[in-house]
Amino acid sequence: MLEREATLAAHQTGHSSGVIHAGIYYAPGSLKARLCVEGAQAMYDYCARHDITHARCGKVILAVSPSERARLDELERRGRANGVAGLRRLNDASLAQLEPHARAIDALHSPDTGVVDFRLVAETLASDVREAGGEIATRCAVQAVEARARCLRLTTASGAVEAGHALFCAGAWADRLAVAAGADADPRIVPFRGGYLRLRPERRHLVRALIYPVPDPALPFLGVHLSRHIDGTVTIGPTALLAPARDAYTLARARPRDLLETLTWPGTWRMARRWWPTALSELRLAASRRAVARAAQRFVPEIEAVDLEPAHAGVRAQALSRDGRLLDDFLFSHTPRALHVRNAPSPGASAALAIARHVADEAMRSFDLRRAA
């Protein structure tokens, strides 16, 4: 395994919300829906087997206006069609039992949603690889890919590596490596920075588990939500702003190549023409703690701006098509002797083990391999 960074889980995995999604949001029959439901159960099983601290704490999705009720109905329909266990609608009394400080006119409860530290999961998986005889080479970014008659030659920061076949799971750099291996440039990865705030310790009691809004079905983002993490901290966010770098975890970080690739991609401008009002709203959230507090007050009225303090940020590797569509489903592509994971957005961490099985099965077929007895 070749890892570009000095440590594992340095990007999306280590900056995620930590939520194990149950599979409510995704269109029935989509690859994302199937792999999320399978992957969530596999993740719980894996954590239990390896004594990784996790909590099946549950999530409430809250409708706060009459116009959101139909969308909540659709979420419930999707969740049931996808096989999500335990879904139930909540009245005022049952919502108060789960989240005493939350308010809504309608609510959906998903008891199978949970939280975990995905960085710890990644470290445990790495131990499994090493125990099975595998090697993990860090600081080993792939710089060039050359398909030869009998092998694939990878030029890395630490020298050249030859392999019969390769699986590319490069996250924010997935498009670059796919193109280097001969794939089409469409879709392009464009980075979206998601900034979080957190509740001060003395106000964490306002949120017991996970409180989510009814999302806009046209966007692949879930909106500002409130999450109690495995360590007890409660975050509010994230924002979703186009970022000037694929690792823009701080506001000051910009990389000319990343920015140029985003701005010269035709899909960026087509997306902007369609979603500029949403972009302005996200900009207000990113610039104003009061705006984030107002967004949170829709669900937990007691939250005030003074209750919030800065937290971490993540960068979502969002696949954007040439025609301006934000691609929502998992996406894979092939080049000679290689299989590429081109898009693995949320719930990529939740579904990771199911995605791994899917990729392994696809590789066996594509590379005409046979499993060892």
Protein backbone atom coordinates (compact mmCIF):
# COMPACT_ATOMS: atom_id res chain seq x y z
CA MET A 1 0.00 0.00 0.00
CA LEU A 2 1.40 3.38 -1.03
CA GLU A 3 0.35 6.38 1.11
CA ARG A 4 1.24 9.93 0.07
CA GLU A 5 1.28 11.34 3.62
CA ALA A 6 3.52 10.63 6.60
CA THR A 7 0.57 9.24 8.58
CA LEU A 8 -2.60 7.36 7.75
CA ALA A 9 -6.06 8.96 7.72
CA ALA A 10 -4.54 12.42 7.24
CA HIS A 11 -7.38 13.74 5.07
CA GLN A 12 -11.10 12.90 4.79
CA THR A 13 -10.95 9.92 7.16
CA GLY A 14 -9.26 11.86 9.92
CA HIS A 15 -11.39 15.00 9.49
CA SER A 16 -14.82 13.40 9.16
CA SER A 17 -17.84 13.88 11.40
CA GLY A 18 -17.33 10.41 12.86
CA VAL A 19 -20.92 9.43 12.09
CA ILE A 20 -21.80 5.88 11.04
CA HIS A 21 -24.72 6.57 8.72
CA ALA A 22 -27.54 4.03 8.54
CA GLY A 23 -28.56 4.59 4.89
CA ILE A 24 -31.62 6.84 5.08
CA TYR A 25 -30.79 9.52 2.53
CA TYR A 26 -29.84 7.60 -0.57
CA ALA A 27 -31.98 6.70 -3.57
CA PRO A 28 -33.20 3.09 -3.29
CA GLY A 29 -31.33 0.86 -5.68
CA SER A 30 -28.28 3.12 -5.82
CA LEU A 31 -24.86 1.70 -5.09
CA LYS A 32 -24.51 4.19 -2.25
CA ALA A 33 -27.71 2.97 -0.58
CA ARG A 34 -26.73 -0.68 -0.75
CA LEU A 35 -23.15 -0.22 0.36
CA CYS A 36 -24.06 2.16 3.19
CA VAL A 37 -26.53 -0.27 4.80
CA GLU A 38 -24.15 -3.21 4.38
CA GLY A 39 -21.15 -1.14 5.42
CA ALA A 40 -22.71 0.28 8.59
CA GLN A 41 -23.43 -3.19 9.93
CA ALA A 42 -19.95 -4.37 8.91
CA MET A 43 -18.45 -1.34 10.68
CA TYR A 44 -20.31 -2.09 13.91
CA ASP A 45 -19.22 -5.73 13.73
CA TYR A 46 -15.61 -4.75 13.05
CA CYS A 47 -15.53 -2.28 15.95
CA ALA A 48 -16.99 -4.89 18.29
CA ARG A 49 -14.45 -7.53 17.24
CA HIS A 50 -11.51 -5.16 17.71
CA ASP A 51 -12.74 -3.38 20.86
CA ILE A 52 -12.92 -0.02 19.11
CA THR A 53 -15.02 2.38 21.16
CA HIS A 54 -18.20 3.28 19.33
CA ALA A 55 -21.80 4.15 20.14
CA ARG A 56 -25.03 3.30 18.33
CA CYS A 57 -26.48 6.52 19.72
CA GLY A 58 -29.22 7.19 17.16
CA LYS A 59 -30.13 10.24 15.12
CA VAL A 60 -33.21 12.46 14.93
CA ILE A 61 -34.01 14.25 11.65
CA LEU A 62 -36.19 17.27 12.39
CA ALA A 63 -38.73 19.05 10.23
CA VAL A 64 -39.27 22.58 11.52
CA SER A 65 -41.65 23.92 8.85
CA PRO A 66 -44.70 22.45 7.08
CA SER A 67 -42.84 22.51 3.75
CA GLU A 68 -40.30 20.01 5.12
CA ARG A 69 -42.86 17.34 6.02
CA ALA A 70 -43.10 15.93 2.49
CA ARG A 71 -39.31 15.66 2.33
CA LEU A 72 -39.28 13.89 5.70
CA ASP A 73 -41.88 11.46 4.34
CA GLU A 74 -39.57 10.79 1.40
CA LEU A 75 -36.61 10.17 3.72
CA GLU A 76 -38.66 7.66 5.68
CA ARG A 77 -39.71 5.95 2.45
CA ARG A 78 -36.11 5.77 1.25
CA GLY A 79 -34.86 4.46 4.56
CA ARG A 80 -37.44 1.68 4.69
CA ALA A 81 -36.81 0.77 1.05
CA ASN A 82 -33.09 0.57 1.79
CA GLY A 83 -33.64 -1.77 4.74
CA VAL A 84 -32.69 0.66 7.52
CA ALA A 85 -33.81 -0.93 10.79
CA GLY A 86 -35.89 0.68 13.50
CA LEU A 87 -37.07 3.86 11.78
CA ARG A 88 -39.98 5.57 13.55
CA ARG A 89 -41.76 8.90 13.51
CA LEU A 90 -41.70 10.85 16.76
CA ASN A 91 -44.34 12.95 18.45
CA ASP A 92 -43.46 15.76 20.85
CA ALA A 93 -43.27 13.45 23.85
CA SER A 94 -41.04 10.84 22.21
CA LEU A 95 -38.74 13.53 20.79
CA ALA A 96 -38.45 15.06 24.28
CA GLN A 97 -37.35 11.70 25.66
CA LEU A 98 -34.50 11.48 23.15
CA GLU A 99 -33.54 15.16 22.81
CA PRO A 100 -35.18 17.24 25.57
CA HIS A 101 -33.90 20.56 24.21
CA ALA A 102 -34.86 19.99 20.57
CA ARG A 103 -37.98 21.39 18.92
CA ALA A 104 -39.72 20.35 15.68
CA ILE A 105 -43.15 19.93 14.13
CA ASP A 106 -42.25 16.42 12.93
CA ALA A 107 -39.31 14.08 13.43
CA LEU A 108 -37.82 10.81 12.24
CA HIS A 109 -35.66 8.64 14.51
CA SER A 110 -32.91 6.34 13.22
CA PRO A 111 -31.66 4.25 16.17
CA ASP A 112 -29.01 2.49 14.04
CA THR A 113 -27.00 5.65 13.35
CA GLY A 114 -23.85 5.85 15.46
CA VAL A 115 -20.46 7.45 16.04
CA VAL A 116 -16.85 6.26 16.07
CA ASP A 117 -13.35 7.65 15.63
CA PHE A 118 -12.61 6.68 12.03
CA ARG A 119 -8.93 7.50 12.47
CA LEU A 120 -8.74 4.70 15.03
CA VAL A 121 -10.60 2.40 12.63
CA ALA A 122 -8.02 3.19 9.93
CA GLU A 123 -5.14 2.47 12.29
CA THR A 124 -6.70 -0.88 13.22
CA LEU A 125 -7.19 -1.78 9.56
CA ALA A 126 -3.53 -0.93 8.95
CA SER A 127 -2.55 -3.33 11.72
CA ASP A 128 -4.62 -6.01 10.00
CA VAL A 129 -2.75 -5.39 6.74
CA ARG A 130 0.64 -5.68 8.43
CA GLU A 131 -0.34 -8.80 10.35
CA ALA A 132 -1.42 -10.39 7.07
CA GLY A 133 2.04 -9.75 5.61
CA GLY A 134 1.30 -6.53 3.76
CA GLU A 135 3.49 -3.44 3.69
CA ILE A 136 2.39 0.17 4.09
CA ALA A 137 4.83 2.71 2.65
CA THR A 138 4.18 6.29 3.85
CA ARG A 139 5.57 9.48 2.22
CA CYS A 140 5.16 7.61 -1.04
CA ALA A 141 2.99 9.81 -3.29
CA VAL A 142 2.47 8.42 -6.78
CA GLN A 143 3.83 10.89 -9.33
CA ALA A 144 3.42 9.00 -12.61
CA VAL A 145 1.68 5.87 -13.90
CA GLU A 146 2.84 3.82 -16.88
CA ALA A 147 1.00 0.75 -18.15
CA ARG A 148 3.45 -1.76 -19.64
CA ALA A 149 2.85 -5.06 -21.39
CA ARG A 150 3.12 -7.14 -18.24
CA CYS A 151 2.97 -4.68 -15.36
CA LEU A 152 2.02 -1.25 -14.14
CA ARG A 153 4.95 1.00 -13.26
CA LEU A 154 4.33 3.57 -10.56
CA THR A 155 6.83 6.36 -10.08
CA THR A 156 6.65 7.54 -6.46
CA ALA A 157 8.37 10.05 -4.24
CA SER A 158 10.48 7.15 -2.91
CA GLY A 159 11.30 5.42 -6.19
CA ALA A 160 9.59 3.19 -8.74
CA VAL A 161 7.25 0.28 -7.97
CA GLU A 162 6.02 -2.33 -10.44
CA ALA A 163 2.86 -4.35 -9.96
CA GLY A 164 0.66 -6.60 -12.02
CA HIS A 165 -2.37 -4.49 -11.13
CA ALA A 166 -3.23 -1.58 -8.85
CA LEU A 167 -6.21 -0.19 -6.97
CA PHE A 168 -6.28 3.60 -6.73
CA CYS A 169 -8.16 5.00 -3.72
CA ALA A 170 -6.75 8.52 -3.70
CA GLY A 171 -9.59 10.64 -2.32
CA ALA A 172 -9.01 14.30 -3.14
CA TRP A 173 -6.36 13.32 -5.69
CA ALA A 174 -8.40 10.54 -7.34
CA ASP A 175 -8.94 12.39 -10.62
CA ARG A 176 -5.27 13.26 -11.06
CA LEU A 177 -4.10 9.68 -10.67
CA ALA A 178 -6.89 8.35 -12.87
CA VAL A 179 -5.94 10.78 -15.65
CA ALA A 180 -2.26 9.91 -15.18
CA ALA A 181 -3.22 6.28 -15.75
CA GLY A 182 -5.17 7.11 -18.92
CA ALA A 183 -8.72 7.76 -17.72
CA ASP A 184 -11.01 10.57 -18.86
CA ALA A 185 -10.75 13.87 -16.97
CA ASP A 186 -14.48 13.83 -16.26
CA PRO A 187 -15.34 14.03 -13.39
CA ARG A 188 -12.98 16.53 -11.75
CA ILE A 189 -12.46 16.57 -8.00
CA VAL A 190 -13.27 19.98 -6.55
CA PRO A 191 -12.58 20.50 -2.84
CA PHE A 192 -15.27 21.83 -0.51
CA ARG A 193 -14.12 23.02 2.90
CA GLY A 194 -16.43 22.23 5.78
CA GLY A 195 -15.81 24.21 8.94
CA TYR A 196 -17.25 23.21 12.32
CA LEU A 197 -17.92 25.03 15.56
CA ARG A 198 -18.43 23.25 18.87
CA LEU A 199 -20.47 23.81 21.98
CA ARG A 200 -18.59 24.95 25.05
CA PRO A 201 -18.31 22.09 27.58
CA GLU A 202 -20.89 23.58 29.94
CA ARG A 203 -23.48 23.63 27.10
CA ARG A 204 -22.95 20.14 25.72
CA HIS A 205 -25.99 18.87 27.63
CA LEU A 206 -28.18 20.58 25.01
CA VAL A 207 -27.43 17.76 22.55
CA ARG A 208 -27.56 14.12 23.61
CA ALA A 209 -26.74 12.41 20.31
CA LEU A 210 -27.22 13.48 16.66
CA ILE A 211 -29.67 16.17 15.49
CA TYR A 212 -29.99 16.65 11.71
CA PRO A 213 -32.11 18.86 9.46
CA VAL A 214 -34.21 17.67 6.54
CA PRO A 215 -31.69 18.06 3.69
CA ASP A 216 -32.21 19.59 0.27
CA PRO A 217 -32.54 16.51 -1.98
CA ALA A 218 -30.88 18.36 -4.88
CA LEU A 219 -27.60 18.79 -2.98
CA PRO A 220 -25.16 16.12 -1.75
CA PHE A 221 -24.65 18.01 1.54
CA LEU A 222 -26.74 17.38 4.65
CA GLY A 223 -26.76 20.94 5.99
CA VAL A 224 -25.82 22.28 9.43
CA HIS A 225 -26.31 19.56 12.03
CA LEU A 226 -25.43 18.94 15.67
CA SER A 227 -23.33 15.92 16.57
CA ARG A 228 -22.13 14.48 19.87
CA HIS A 229 -18.87 12.68 19.15
CA ILE A 230 -17.40 9.62 20.77
CA ASP A 231 -15.26 11.82 23.05
CA GLY A 232 -18.29 13.80 24.23
CA THR A 233 -17.66 16.98 22.26
CA VAL A 234 -20.61 18.44 20.35
CA THR A 235 -19.99 20.05 16.97
CA ILE A 236 -22.24 22.24 14.85
CA GLY A 237 -21.74 22.41 11.08
CA PRO A 238 -20.31 21.97 8.60
CA THR A 239 -20.29 24.82 6.17
CA ALA A 240 -19.67 23.92 2.52
CA LEU A 241 -17.44 26.37 0.63
CA LEU A 242 -15.41 25.80 -2.50
CA ALA A 243 -11.82 25.60 -1.24
CA PRO A 244 -8.57 26.92 -2.78
CA ALA A 245 -6.70 23.70 -1.93
CA ARG A 246 -7.44 20.01 -1.67
CA ASP A 247 -6.08 20.09 1.87
CA ALA A 248 -7.44 23.49 2.95
CA TYR A 249 -7.88 22.65 6.62
CA THR A 250 -6.91 26.22 7.48
CA LEU A 251 -8.37 29.33 5.84
CA ALA A 252 -4.90 30.52 4.86
CA ARG A 253 -4.00 27.46 2.80
CA ALA A 254 -4.22 27.85 -0.96
CA ARG A 255 -2.43 25.86 -3.66
CA PRO A 256 -2.19 27.44 -7.12
CA ARG A 257 -2.51 24.15 -8.99
CA ASP A 258 -5.60 23.09 -7.04
CA LEU A 259 -7.23 26.48 -7.52
CA LEU A 260 -6.38 26.60 -11.23
CA GLU A 261 -7.82 23.13 -11.83
CA THR A 262 -11.05 24.12 -10.10
CA LEU A 263 -11.44 27.44 -11.90
CA THR A 264 -10.63 26.08 -15.37
CA TRP A 265 -13.06 23.17 -15.09
CA PRO A 266 -16.23 23.95 -17.10
CA GLY A 267 -18.39 22.22 -14.50
CA THR A 268 -17.34 24.72 -11.84
CA TRP A 269 -18.96 27.65 -13.65
CA ARG A 270 -22.05 25.66 -14.61
CA MET A 271 -22.44 24.65 -10.96
CA ALA A 272 -21.94 28.25 -9.84
CA ARG A 273 -24.66 29.57 -12.16
CA ARG A 274 -27.12 27.13 -10.67
CA TRP A 275 -26.17 27.26 -6.99
CA TRP A 276 -24.97 30.83 -6.36
CA PRO A 277 -27.77 31.59 -3.83
CA THR A 278 -26.72 28.52 -1.82
CA ALA A 279 -23.09 29.64 -2.05
CA LEU A 280 -24.00 33.03 -0.58
CA SER A 281 -25.81 31.34 2.32
CA GLU A 282 -22.80 29.14 2.98
CA LEU A 283 -20.52 32.16 2.88
CA ARG A 284 -22.63 33.85 5.56
CA LEU A 285 -22.39 30.75 7.74
CA ALA A 286 -18.62 30.56 7.31
CA ALA A 287 -18.18 34.26 8.15
CA SER A 288 -20.53 34.57 11.12
CA ARG A 289 -20.79 32.62 14.34
CA ARG A 290 -24.17 34.23 14.89
CA ALA A 291 -25.39 32.83 11.57
CA VAL A 292 -24.38 29.31 12.62
CA ALA A 293 -26.11 29.82 15.97
CA ARG A 294 -29.29 30.93 14.16
CA ALA A 295 -29.15 27.80 12.00
CA ALA A 296 -28.78 25.64 15.11
CA GLN A 297 -31.59 27.50 16.92
CA ARG A 298 -34.07 26.13 14.38
CA PHE A 299 -33.66 22.79 16.16
CA VAL A 300 -32.30 23.68 19.62
CA PRO A 301 -33.61 27.17 20.51
CA GLU A 302 -31.42 27.53 23.61
CA ILE A 303 -28.17 27.66 21.64
CA GLU A 304 -26.61 31.13 21.47
CA ALA A 305 -23.60 32.48 19.60
CA VAL A 306 -21.67 32.79 22.88
CA ASP A 307 -22.05 29.02 23.35
CA LEU A 308 -19.91 28.31 20.27
CA GLU A 309 -16.15 28.06 19.85
CA PRO A 310 -13.93 27.11 16.90
CA ALA A 311 -13.50 23.44 16.08
CA HIS A 312 -11.91 21.48 13.24
CA ALA A 313 -12.43 21.65 9.48
CA GLY A 314 -12.62 18.95 6.86
CA VAL A 315 -12.29 18.96 3.07
CA ARG A 316 -14.76 16.98 1.00
CA ALA A 317 -13.40 15.55 -2.25
CA GLN A 318 -16.46 16.24 -4.38
CA ALA A 319 -16.65 14.83 -7.90
CA LEU A 320 -18.03 17.45 -10.29
CA SER A 321 -19.02 16.52 -13.82
CA ARG A 322 -18.22 18.63 -16.85
CA ASP A 323 -21.89 19.63 -17.13
CA GLY A 324 -21.92 21.01 -13.55
CA ARG A 325 -23.56 18.12 -11.69
CA LEU A 326 -22.37 17.37 -8.16
CA LEU A 327 -22.06 13.59 -8.35
CA ASP A 328 -23.67 11.93 -5.36
CA ASP A 329 -23.16 8.20 -5.87
CA PHE A 330 -20.00 6.15 -5.55
CA LEU A 331 -18.15 6.02 -8.86
CA PHE A 332 -15.45 3.68 -10.17
CA SER A 333 -13.50 3.60 -13.43
CA HIS A 334 -10.95 1.38 -15.17
CA THR A 335 -7.65 1.93 -16.94
CA PRO A 336 -5.19 -0.71 -18.15
CA ARG A 337 -4.27 -2.91 -15.17
CA ALA A 338 -5.95 -0.55 -12.71
CA LEU A 339 -9.24 0.13 -10.95
CA HIS A 340 -9.96 3.64 -9.66
CA VAL A 341 -12.32 4.84 -6.92
CA ARG A 342 -13.29 8.16 -8.54
CA ASN A 343 -15.93 9.30 -6.03
CA ALA A 344 -16.49 8.09 -2.47
CA PRO A 345 -18.24 10.93 -0.64
CA SER A 346 -20.22 10.60 2.57
CA PRO A 347 -21.10 7.92 3.65
CA GLY A 348 -17.72 6.73 2.39
CA ALA A 349 -16.36 6.12 5.90
CA SER A 350 -19.55 4.40 7.09
CA ALA A 351 -19.57 2.17 4.01
CA ALA A 352 -15.79 1.64 3.89
CA LEU A 353 -15.78 -2.10 4.53
CA ALA A 354 -18.58 -2.73 2.03
CA ILE A 355 -16.82 -0.52 -0.52
CA ALA A 356 -13.66 -2.58 0.05
CA ARG A 357 -15.53 -5.81 -0.71
CA HIS A 358 -17.07 -4.24 -3.81
CA VAL A 359 -13.69 -3.02 -5.04
CA ALA A 360 -12.05 -6.39 -4.35
CA ASP A 361 -14.80 -8.26 -6.22
CA GLU A 362 -14.60 -5.84 -9.13
CA ALA A 363 -10.82 -6.22 -9.24
CA MET A 364 -11.10 -10.00 -9.31
CA ARG A 365 -13.40 -9.77 -12.32
CA SER A 366 -11.56 -7.00 -14.12
CA PHE A 367 -8.09 -8.46 -13.63
CA ASP A 368 -9.24 -12.04 -14.20
CA LEU A 369 -7.77 -13.13 -10.87
CA ARG A 370 -8.61 -16.15 -8.74
CA ARG A 371 -8.97 -16.14 -4.98
CA ALA A 372 -6.40 -18.13 -3.05
CA ALA A 373 -7.78 -21.38 -1.62
